[in-house]
């Protein structure tokens, strides 16, 4: 089962149209267009290496808002469009989605593109963000894309913890939100990171319907992976079990810190052409996209009663492949039996990061990493 499938033809066509819609809704005067790559590079600096220099109102500047919509919003939408079809997200008419730190409604836009089966379903999106300008930009862009839609967008200007009125949500999401909290924590302080995760999990669960799910996504870097593992532990304690990417309910074998961290990388050859051109012009090309994420929900019957076979067991592939002398190619994976080193024989690459596969155990451990040795099935 593949987690990050290529875009469907329809999703790819729609994503290719989004840059044109942005130009229509937020036109850039011709004299300012040559400066767009420079604005993208400057905004990237403010969002990464120079966070301390970034004022709260930074996206109130037209040049930076334009750069955000045309670069960061599009890349975030693309990542979600690759991920969302592979997640178990089910809705009924009248369900609500509470999206924390919505920005320009990235989740609503990506869900509309990636899940056309939901477009005629009445859904309510409660989109919270501290930046009213960005919320308004996202709302205008969403309706330019979706047109006459039964989806209702409620923009809420406020910070995390702001009251969200109405019935509890079927889905509570926080995408690229919590890193603004945990990146201030020293990377040696795992205790403080767990406390931050506990606080976040309490907020997420407080907004959730009994049968609802939680989706958290962060950049695919080590500290994010460590945070996601801490959040997973905290949510488990509150009855929210991992649906994806974890193939089990046991201890996370990739918690970050000094261990491997859970993240996924995938090629970006089907990203919008205009986005790839702007990325190159800004000196920020992306041949691959990376994410760390977690989807949780209530325990399912199949999770309660599942019995793993003695010799085969489910493994989520989490790494690129690499040569293993005298054996073939290896990939690391996550399983209920801990970290797995899966061996694939032959030059043909048949598996990708994010794939969920059943493997045969050798009942031996790799002497270097301690990972359980397993074999991909023969073709």
Protein backbone atom coordinates (compact mmCIF):
# COMPACT_ATOMS: atom_id res chain seq x y z
CA UNK A 1 0.00 0.00 0.00
CA UNK A 2 1.53 3.32 -1.12
CA UNK A 3 1.26 6.38 1.11
CA UNK A 4 2.61 9.08 -1.23
CA UNK A 5 1.18 8.17 -4.63
CA UNK A 6 1.80 10.53 -7.57
CA UNK A 7 -0.89 13.12 -8.14
CA UNK A 8 -3.92 11.93 -10.04
CA UNK A 9 -4.27 13.51 -13.51
CA UNK A 10 -7.17 15.66 -12.26
CA UNK A 11 -5.28 16.82 -9.15
CA UNK A 12 -2.25 17.67 -11.23
CA UNK A 13 -4.31 19.72 -13.69
CA UNK A 14 -6.01 21.58 -10.84
CA UNK A 15 -2.77 22.33 -9.04
CA UNK A 16 -1.31 23.64 -12.29
CA UNK A 17 -4.23 26.11 -12.38
CA UNK A 18 -3.72 27.42 -8.83
CA UNK A 19 -0.79 29.78 -9.70
CA UNK A 20 -3.03 31.34 -12.38
CA UNK A 21 -5.83 31.78 -9.81
CA UNK A 22 -3.38 33.43 -7.41
CA UNK A 23 -2.40 35.85 -10.19
CA UNK A 24 -6.07 36.65 -10.76
CA UNK A 25 -7.02 37.14 -7.11
CA UNK A 26 -3.72 38.74 -6.02
CA UNK A 27 -2.17 40.27 -9.13
CA UNK A 28 1.44 41.49 -9.03
CA UNK A 29 2.07 44.69 -11.02
CA UNK A 30 4.45 44.02 -13.90
CA UNK A 31 7.14 46.29 -12.45
CA UNK A 32 7.26 44.20 -9.23
CA UNK A 33 7.37 40.74 -10.84
CA UNK A 34 11.19 40.62 -11.24
CA UNK A 35 11.49 41.03 -7.45
CA UNK A 36 9.33 38.00 -6.60
CA UNK A 37 12.23 35.49 -6.39
CA UNK A 38 14.06 37.90 -4.08
CA UNK A 39 10.96 38.17 -1.86
CA UNK A 40 10.68 34.37 -1.72
CA UNK A 41 14.33 34.06 -0.65
CA UNK A 42 13.85 36.77 1.99
CA UNK A 43 10.73 35.13 3.37
CA UNK A 44 12.51 31.78 3.49
CA UNK A 45 15.24 33.39 5.58
CA UNK A 46 12.68 34.89 7.98
CA UNK A 47 10.94 31.52 8.36
CA UNK A 48 14.12 29.52 8.97
CA UNK A 49 17.50 30.92 9.98
CA UNK A 50 16.27 34.38 11.05
CA UNK A 51 13.04 33.62 12.92
CA UNK A 52 14.01 36.09 15.64
CA UNK A 53 13.92 38.97 13.15
CA UNK A 54 10.41 38.17 11.96
CA UNK A 55 7.67 40.51 13.24
CA UNK A 56 4.19 39.09 13.88
CA UNK A 57 2.79 41.26 11.08
CA UNK A 58 5.37 40.17 8.48
CA UNK A 59 2.73 38.87 6.05
CA UNK A 60 1.00 42.25 6.12
CA UNK A 61 3.65 43.38 3.63
CA UNK A 62 2.32 42.81 0.13
CA UNK A 63 5.63 41.56 -1.25
CA UNK A 64 6.01 38.90 1.45
CA UNK A 65 2.34 37.86 1.26
CA UNK A 66 2.71 37.48 -2.49
CA UNK A 67 5.83 35.37 -1.99
CA UNK A 68 4.12 33.25 0.66
CA UNK A 69 1.13 32.47 -1.56
CA UNK A 70 3.17 31.74 -4.67
CA UNK A 71 5.85 29.63 -3.00
CA UNK A 72 5.19 28.33 0.55
CA UNK A 73 1.42 27.97 0.21
CA UNK A 74 1.84 26.11 -3.07
CA UNK A 75 4.54 23.77 -1.78
CA UNK A 76 2.50 23.03 1.35
CA UNK A 77 -0.58 22.39 -0.79
CA UNK A 78 1.41 20.07 -3.05
CA UNK A 79 2.72 18.04 -0.08
CA UNK A 80 -0.80 17.63 1.24
CA UNK A 81 -2.17 16.65 -2.16
CA UNK A 82 0.39 13.85 -2.28
CA UNK A 83 -0.45 12.71 1.28
CA UNK A 84 -4.21 13.15 1.77
CA UNK A 85 -5.46 10.45 -0.66
CA UNK A 86 -3.45 7.87 1.29
CA UNK A 87 -5.00 8.72 4.66
CA UNK A 88 -8.14 7.28 6.22
CA UNK A 89 -10.21 10.48 6.38
CA UNK A 90 -13.93 9.84 6.25
CA UNK A 91 -16.65 12.48 6.56
CA UNK A 92 -20.44 12.64 6.67
CA UNK A 93 -22.73 15.51 5.73
CA UNK A 94 -22.60 18.25 8.34
CA UNK A 95 -19.20 17.27 9.77
CA UNK A 96 -16.82 19.98 10.94
CA UNK A 97 -13.08 20.38 10.44
CA UNK A 98 -11.18 22.54 12.93
CA UNK A 99 -7.91 23.65 11.38
CA UNK A 100 -5.46 25.33 13.75
CA UNK A 101 -2.96 27.76 12.26
CA UNK A 102 -4.77 27.60 8.92
CA UNK A 103 -2.74 30.28 7.18
CA UNK A 104 -4.27 30.75 3.70
CA UNK A 105 -6.59 27.74 4.17
CA UNK A 106 -3.99 25.29 2.90
CA UNK A 107 -5.79 22.22 4.22
CA UNK A 108 -9.18 23.18 2.77
CA UNK A 109 -7.62 23.93 -0.63
CA UNK A 110 -5.59 20.71 -0.70
CA UNK A 111 -8.52 18.58 0.48
CA UNK A 112 -10.75 20.04 -2.22
CA UNK A 113 -8.12 19.24 -4.87
CA UNK A 114 -7.04 15.82 -3.61
CA UNK A 115 -10.46 14.43 -2.57
CA UNK A 116 -12.98 15.25 -5.33
CA UNK A 117 -15.34 12.69 -3.75
CA UNK A 118 -15.94 15.16 -0.91
CA UNK A 119 -16.76 18.24 -3.00
CA UNK A 120 -20.55 17.80 -2.90
CA UNK A 121 -20.61 16.98 0.82
CA UNK A 122 -21.71 19.80 3.17
CA UNK A 123 -18.72 20.40 5.46
CA UNK A 124 -17.84 23.24 7.81
CA UNK A 125 -14.22 24.39 8.09
CA UNK A 126 -13.31 26.41 11.18
CA UNK A 127 -10.02 27.99 10.23
CA UNK A 128 -8.06 29.62 13.05
CA UNK A 129 -5.04 31.86 12.48
CA UNK A 130 -3.52 34.85 14.23
CA UNK A 131 -3.06 36.67 10.91
CA UNK A 132 -6.35 38.04 9.59
CA UNK A 133 -4.76 39.16 6.29
CA UNK A 134 -3.63 35.61 5.48
CA UNK A 135 -6.99 34.13 6.47
CA UNK A 136 -8.81 36.55 4.18
CA UNK A 137 -6.39 35.78 1.34
CA UNK A 138 -7.01 32.06 1.77
CA UNK A 139 -10.77 32.47 1.86
CA UNK A 140 -10.78 34.50 -1.35
CA UNK A 141 -8.50 31.99 -3.04
CA UNK A 142 -10.53 28.99 -1.89
CA UNK A 143 -13.79 30.33 -3.30
CA UNK A 144 -12.04 31.31 -6.55
CA UNK A 145 -11.00 27.66 -6.81
CA UNK A 146 -14.13 25.90 -5.53
CA UNK A 147 -16.81 28.28 -6.84
CA UNK A 148 -20.35 27.43 -5.70
CA UNK A 149 -19.55 24.84 -3.05
CA UNK A 150 -21.45 23.34 -0.09
CA UNK A 151 -18.30 23.74 2.01
CA UNK A 152 -18.64 26.56 4.54
CA UNK A 153 -15.49 28.44 5.59
CA UNK A 154 -15.51 30.15 9.00
CA UNK A 155 -12.38 32.25 9.44
CA UNK A 156 -11.44 32.78 13.11
CA UNK A 157 -8.85 35.44 13.88
CA UNK A 158 -7.02 34.37 17.05
CA UNK A 159 -4.21 32.39 18.62
CA UNK A 160 -4.09 28.75 19.74
CA UNK A 161 -6.54 28.27 22.58
CA UNK A 162 -9.11 30.68 21.13
CA UNK A 163 -12.65 29.34 21.75
CA UNK A 164 -14.04 27.34 18.83
CA UNK A 165 -17.84 27.34 18.93
CA UNK A 166 -20.15 24.67 17.58
CA UNK A 167 -20.21 20.86 17.73
CA UNK A 168 -16.90 19.06 18.18
CA UNK A 169 -14.96 18.41 14.97
CA UNK A 170 -14.68 15.20 12.97
CA UNK A 171 -11.12 16.25 12.12
CA UNK A 172 -8.80 18.53 14.09
CA UNK A 173 -5.66 19.50 12.19
CA UNK A 174 -2.49 21.44 12.93
CA UNK A 175 -0.19 21.70 9.93
CA UNK A 176 3.20 23.38 10.31
CA UNK A 177 1.93 25.01 13.50
CA UNK A 178 3.57 23.55 16.59
CA UNK A 179 7.16 24.03 15.35
CA UNK A 180 6.84 27.67 16.36
CA UNK A 181 6.58 26.36 19.93
CA UNK A 182 8.99 23.46 20.07
CA UNK A 183 11.81 24.98 18.01
CA UNK A 184 12.52 27.28 20.96
CA UNK A 185 13.20 24.25 23.18
CA UNK A 186 16.88 23.22 23.47
CA UNK A 187 17.36 20.00 21.53
CA UNK A 188 18.87 18.26 24.53
CA UNK A 189 15.75 18.90 26.64
CA UNK A 190 13.49 15.97 25.80
CA UNK A 191 11.50 16.56 28.99
CA UNK A 192 10.47 20.05 27.92
CA UNK A 193 9.61 18.72 24.47
CA UNK A 194 7.33 16.09 26.01
CA UNK A 195 5.65 18.77 28.14
CA UNK A 196 5.01 20.84 25.01
CA UNK A 197 3.58 17.77 23.26
CA UNK A 198 1.34 17.03 26.26
CA UNK A 199 -0.02 20.59 26.16
CA UNK A 200 -0.65 20.38 22.42
CA UNK A 201 -2.37 17.00 22.67
CA UNK A 202 -4.74 18.28 25.36
CA UNK A 203 -5.72 21.18 23.10
CA UNK A 204 -6.28 18.91 20.09
CA UNK A 205 -8.39 16.37 22.00
CA UNK A 206 -10.50 19.11 23.60
CA UNK A 207 -11.74 20.15 20.14
CA UNK A 208 -12.42 16.63 18.87
CA UNK A 209 -15.64 14.65 18.49
CA UNK A 210 -15.64 11.20 20.08
CA UNK A 211 -15.26 9.46 16.72
CA UNK A 212 -12.94 12.10 15.26
CA UNK A 213 -9.34 12.09 14.07
CA UNK A 214 -6.34 14.33 14.59
CA UNK A 215 -3.84 15.21 11.85
CA UNK A 216 -0.56 16.90 12.73
CA UNK A 217 2.13 17.61 10.13
CA UNK A 218 5.53 19.24 10.55
CA UNK A 219 8.72 19.68 8.50
CA UNK A 220 10.66 16.44 7.99
CA UNK A 221 13.62 17.39 10.18
CA UNK A 222 14.99 15.54 13.25
CA UNK A 223 13.51 17.81 15.95
CA UNK A 224 10.09 17.62 14.28
CA UNK A 225 10.31 13.85 14.24
CA UNK A 226 11.18 13.87 17.94
CA UNK A 227 8.18 16.09 18.64
CA UNK A 228 5.80 13.93 16.58
CA UNK A 229 6.93 10.85 18.55
CA UNK A 230 6.32 12.71 21.83
CA UNK A 231 2.88 13.82 20.62
CA UNK A 232 2.08 10.25 19.59
CA UNK A 233 2.86 9.04 23.11
CA UNK A 234 0.70 11.74 24.67
CA UNK A 235 -2.25 11.13 22.37
CA UNK A 236 -2.07 7.39 23.00
CA UNK A 237 -2.44 8.10 26.72
CA UNK A 238 -5.65 9.98 25.90
CA UNK A 239 -7.15 7.17 23.83
CA UNK A 240 -6.10 8.46 20.40
CA UNK A 241 -4.28 5.66 18.60
CA UNK A 242 -2.07 6.11 15.52
CA UNK A 243 -3.69 5.34 12.17
CA UNK A 244 -0.81 6.53 10.02
CA UNK A 245 2.06 6.30 9.39
CA UNK A 246 2.45 3.86 12.29
CA UNK A 247 1.51 0.24 11.47
CA UNK A 248 1.20 -0.63 15.18
CA UNK A 249 0.23 0.72 18.62
CA UNK A 250 3.50 -0.11 20.35
CA UNK A 251 6.48 2.01 21.34
CA UNK A 252 7.82 4.21 18.53
CA UNK A 253 11.13 2.76 17.28
CA UNK A 254 12.04 6.06 15.55
CA UNK A 255 11.60 8.71 18.26
CA UNK A 256 14.39 11.02 17.15
CA UNK A 257 16.94 12.35 19.60
CA UNK A 258 19.91 10.01 19.23
CA UNK A 259 17.74 7.48 17.36
CA UNK A 260 16.38 7.62 13.83
CA UNK A 261 13.44 9.95 13.36
CA UNK A 262 10.23 9.26 11.48
CA UNK A 263 9.95 11.28 8.28
CA UNK A 264 9.22 10.68 4.62
CA UNK A 265 10.73 12.05 1.42
CA UNK A 266 9.27 11.88 -2.08
CA UNK A 267 10.13 13.22 -5.52
CA UNK A 268 8.46 16.42 -6.75
CA UNK A 269 8.49 15.94 -10.51
CA UNK A 270 4.71 16.45 -10.69
CA UNK A 271 4.70 19.74 -8.75
CA UNK A 272 3.20 22.74 -10.64
CA UNK A 273 5.49 24.01 -13.39
CA UNK A 274 5.20 27.65 -12.32
CA UNK A 275 6.15 26.69 -8.77
CA UNK A 276 9.24 24.79 -9.89
CA UNK A 277 10.35 27.74 -12.04
CA UNK A 278 9.92 30.20 -9.17
CA UNK A 279 11.79 27.87 -6.81
CA UNK A 280 14.77 27.75 -9.15
CA UNK A 281 14.72 31.52 -9.66
CA UNK A 282 14.71 32.06 -5.88
CA UNK A 283 17.64 29.68 -5.41
CA UNK A 284 15.40 27.24 -3.50
CA UNK A 285 14.80 24.32 -5.88
CA UNK A 286 13.09 21.26 -4.44
CA UNK A 287 13.77 17.95 -6.09
CA UNK A 288 12.26 16.21 -3.07
CA UNK A 289 9.71 17.13 -0.41
CA UNK A 290 9.87 15.87 3.19
CA UNK A 291 7.31 15.63 5.99
CA UNK A 292 6.83 14.24 9.47
CA UNK A 293 3.20 13.62 10.33
CA UNK A 294 0.75 11.75 12.52
CA UNK A 295 -2.90 10.78 12.01
CA UNK A 296 -4.74 9.41 15.04
CA UNK A 297 -8.26 8.35 15.97
CA UNK A 298 -10.25 6.04 18.25
CA UNK A 299 -9.33 2.37 18.42
CA UNK A 300 -10.73 0.35 15.53
CA UNK A 301 -12.00 -3.21 15.96
CA UNK A 302 -9.35 -4.58 13.65
CA UNK A 303 -6.68 -2.94 15.83
CA UNK A 304 -8.14 -4.49 18.98
CA UNK A 305 -8.25 -8.02 17.59
CA UNK A 306 -5.36 -8.13 15.13
CA UNK A 307 -3.02 -11.09 15.44
CA UNK A 308 0.28 -10.89 13.59
CA UNK A 309 1.57 -13.94 11.82
CA UNK A 310 4.74 -15.48 13.18
CA UNK A 311 6.90 -14.92 10.12
CA UNK A 312 5.32 -11.98 8.31
CA UNK A 313 4.34 -8.64 9.81
CA UNK A 314 3.44 -5.13 8.60
CA UNK A 315 6.26 -2.63 8.15
CA UNK A 316 6.09 1.04 7.14
CA UNK A 317 9.09 1.91 4.99
CA UNK A 318 10.69 5.15 6.21
CA UNK A 319 13.94 5.51 4.26
CA UNK A 320 15.47 5.55 0.82
CA UNK A 321 17.28 2.40 -0.13
CA UNK A 322 21.00 1.95 0.23
CA UNK A 323 23.44 -0.81 -0.75
CA UNK A 324 24.01 -3.62 1.74
CA UNK A 325 27.20 -5.51 0.86
CA UNK A 326 26.64 -9.08 -0.32
CA UNK A 327 22.87 -8.86 0.26
CA UNK A 328 21.33 -6.30 -2.09
CA UNK A 329 19.66 -3.05 -1.00
CA UNK A 330 18.31 -2.09 2.37
CA UNK A 331 15.55 0.18 3.66
CA UNK A 332 14.69 1.03 7.23
CA UNK A 333 11.15 0.50 8.41
CA UNK A 334 8.90 0.87 11.45
CA UNK A 335 7.07 -2.11 12.96
CA UNK A 336 5.61 -3.49 16.19
CA UNK A 337 8.86 -5.44 16.50
CA UNK A 338 10.94 -2.28 16.46
CA UNK A 339 13.21 -0.84 13.81
CA UNK A 340 13.50 -3.08 10.74
CA UNK A 341 16.25 -3.32 8.14
CA UNK A 342 14.47 -4.73 5.09
CA UNK A 343 16.55 -6.29 2.32
CA UNK A 344 15.49 -6.01 -1.31
CA UNK A 345 17.40 -8.15 -3.79
CA UNK A 346 18.06 -7.11 -7.36
CA UNK A 347 18.53 -3.70 -8.97
CA UNK A 348 14.83 -2.99 -9.61
CA UNK A 349 13.42 -0.48 -7.12
CA UNK A 350 9.89 -1.68 -6.33
CA UNK A 351 9.29 0.07 -3.01
CA UNK A 352 9.18 3.70 -1.87
CA UNK A 353 9.31 5.56 1.45
CA UNK A 354 5.84 5.44 2.97
CA UNK A 355 4.91 2.06 1.53
CA UNK A 356 3.21 -0.36 3.92
CA UNK A 357 4.36 -3.93 3.22
CA UNK A 358 4.32 -7.33 4.90
CA UNK A 359 7.81 -8.72 5.35
CA UNK A 360 9.37 -12.01 6.37
CA UNK A 361 11.57 -11.85 9.45
CA UNK A 362 14.97 -13.55 9.57
CA UNK A 363 14.74 -13.53 13.38
CA UNK A 364 18.17 -11.90 13.44
CA UNK A 365 19.32 -8.37 14.24
CA UNK A 366 21.66 -6.09 12.34
CA UNK A 367 24.82 -5.92 14.50
CA UNK A 368 25.38 -2.23 13.74
CA UNK A 369 21.90 -0.75 14.35
CA UNK A 370 20.08 -3.50 16.24
CA UNK A 371 17.35 -3.43 13.59
CA UNK A 372 15.45 -6.65 12.93
CA UNK A 373 16.51 -8.13 9.58
CA UNK A 374 13.69 -8.87 7.17
CA UNK A 375 13.22 -9.65 3.48
CA UNK A 376 10.94 -8.13 0.88
CA UNK A 377 8.87 -10.76 -0.90
CA UNK A 378 10.33 -12.06 -4.13
CA UNK A 379 8.75 -10.71 -7.30
